[in-house]
Every structure is written in structure tokens, then in C-alpha cells.
């Protein structure tokens, strides 16, 4: 499995969100999202895009390809 999953938890916690709050916003089952954060399941690319927009970071940051959470260009959102 990829090493993205700690970033998912860190981004959520940095945004002061609980898993319950985030899954309600994402309209998905909590167990599904928990499995993504724990690295038990790989999230779909569409979810990674949504989370990058939600947290205003690059997909590369979520994927662990960079350690710089570059904000997204607002024109591309």
C-alpha cells in the first residue's frame, strides 16, 4: 500500500475535523474512510481530488511525493 494514508489523517486533524465530521461532509460511510486513513483500502482518485480541494493542497502532497503542501491555484478549483 502507498504511504499516503498518514497524510489523510494529518490533513484532517490539521483542519480540526473529526472523522465523523469529514465523512458527513463527504457523504460516505465512516468505516470506508477509516480504512483509507489506516491504509487498509486505497481511496479512489476522485476522492483524492476532492480532499486536495478541501484541504487546498496538491495531490502530490497527499501522495507523499512532496513534503510541501502547495496551495492550489484558486482559478483551477
Protein backbone atom coordinates (compact mmCIF):
# COMPACT_ATOMS: atom_id res chain seq x y z
CA UNK A 1 0.00 0.00 0.00
CA UNK A 2 1.00 3.57 -0.59
CA UNK A 3 2.24 5.85 2.16
CA UNK A 4 -0.47 8.45 1.60
CA UNK A 5 -2.67 7.34 4.45
CA UNK A 6 -0.86 9.15 7.30
CA UNK A 7 -1.28 12.36 5.28
CA UNK A 8 -5.04 11.85 5.14
CA UNK A 9 -5.23 11.73 8.93
CA UNK A 10 -2.79 14.61 9.39
CA UNK A 11 -4.68 16.86 6.97
CA UNK A 12 -7.99 16.07 8.65
CA UNK A 13 -6.58 16.75 12.09
CA UNK A 14 -4.87 19.96 10.91
CA UNK A 15 -8.29 21.10 9.67
CA UNK A 16 -9.70 20.38 13.17
CA UNK A 17 -12.13 17.82 11.78
CA UNK A 18 -13.19 14.58 13.34
CA UNK A 19 -13.72 11.56 11.13
CA UNK A 20 -17.45 11.88 11.82
CA UNK A 21 -17.49 15.47 10.57
CA UNK A 22 -15.48 14.69 7.46
CA UNK A 23 -17.47 11.63 6.43
CA UNK A 24 -20.67 13.59 6.87
CA UNK A 25 -19.27 16.27 4.54
CA UNK A 26 -18.07 13.63 2.06
CA UNK A 27 -21.33 11.67 2.35
CA UNK A 28 -19.62 8.32 2.83
CA UNK A 29 -19.61 5.59 5.46
CA UNK A 30 -17.20 6.16 8.32
CA UNK A 31 -15.78 2.64 8.05
CA UNK A 32 -14.84 3.28 4.42
CA UNK A 33 -12.96 6.47 5.24
CA UNK A 34 -11.35 4.90 8.31
CA UNK A 35 -9.98 2.16 6.08
CA UNK A 36 -8.40 4.84 3.84
CA UNK A 37 -6.73 6.55 6.79
CA UNK A 38 -5.46 3.22 8.11
CA UNK A 39 -4.14 2.12 4.72
CA UNK A 40 -6.46 -0.88 4.57
CA UNK A 41 -8.11 0.36 1.35
CA UNK A 42 -6.88 2.60 -1.40
CA UNK A 43 -9.08 5.67 -1.91
CA UNK A 44 -10.39 6.34 -5.40
CA UNK A 45 -8.62 9.07 -7.33
CA UNK A 46 -11.83 11.12 -7.36
CA UNK A 47 -11.73 11.23 -3.55
CA UNK A 48 -8.07 12.29 -3.55
CA UNK A 49 -9.03 15.18 -5.83
CA UNK A 50 -11.90 16.17 -3.52
CA UNK A 51 -9.63 16.05 -0.48
CA UNK A 52 -6.91 18.08 -2.22
CA UNK A 53 -9.51 20.75 -2.97
CA UNK A 54 -10.98 20.53 0.54
CA UNK A 55 -7.61 21.00 2.23
CA UNK A 56 -6.17 23.27 -0.50
CA UNK A 57 -3.08 21.13 -1.08
CA UNK A 58 -1.61 19.43 -4.12
CA UNK A 59 -2.35 15.81 -4.96
CA UNK A 60 1.42 15.28 -4.87
CA UNK A 61 1.40 16.27 -1.20
CA UNK A 62 -1.35 13.79 -0.37
CA UNK A 63 0.51 11.09 -2.30
CA UNK A 64 3.71 11.77 -0.37
CA UNK A 65 5.63 12.85 -3.48
CA UNK A 66 6.44 16.19 -1.88
CA UNK A 67 6.59 17.47 1.68
CA UNK A 68 5.40 20.93 0.68
CA UNK A 69 1.61 21.31 0.88
CA UNK A 70 1.48 23.72 -2.06
CA UNK A 71 -1.89 25.52 -2.10
CA UNK A 72 -3.98 25.00 -5.18
CA UNK A 73 -4.42 27.80 -7.64
CA UNK A 74 -7.94 29.08 -6.93
CA UNK A 75 -8.66 29.51 -10.65
CA UNK A 76 -8.30 25.76 -11.13
CA UNK A 77 -10.66 24.82 -8.31
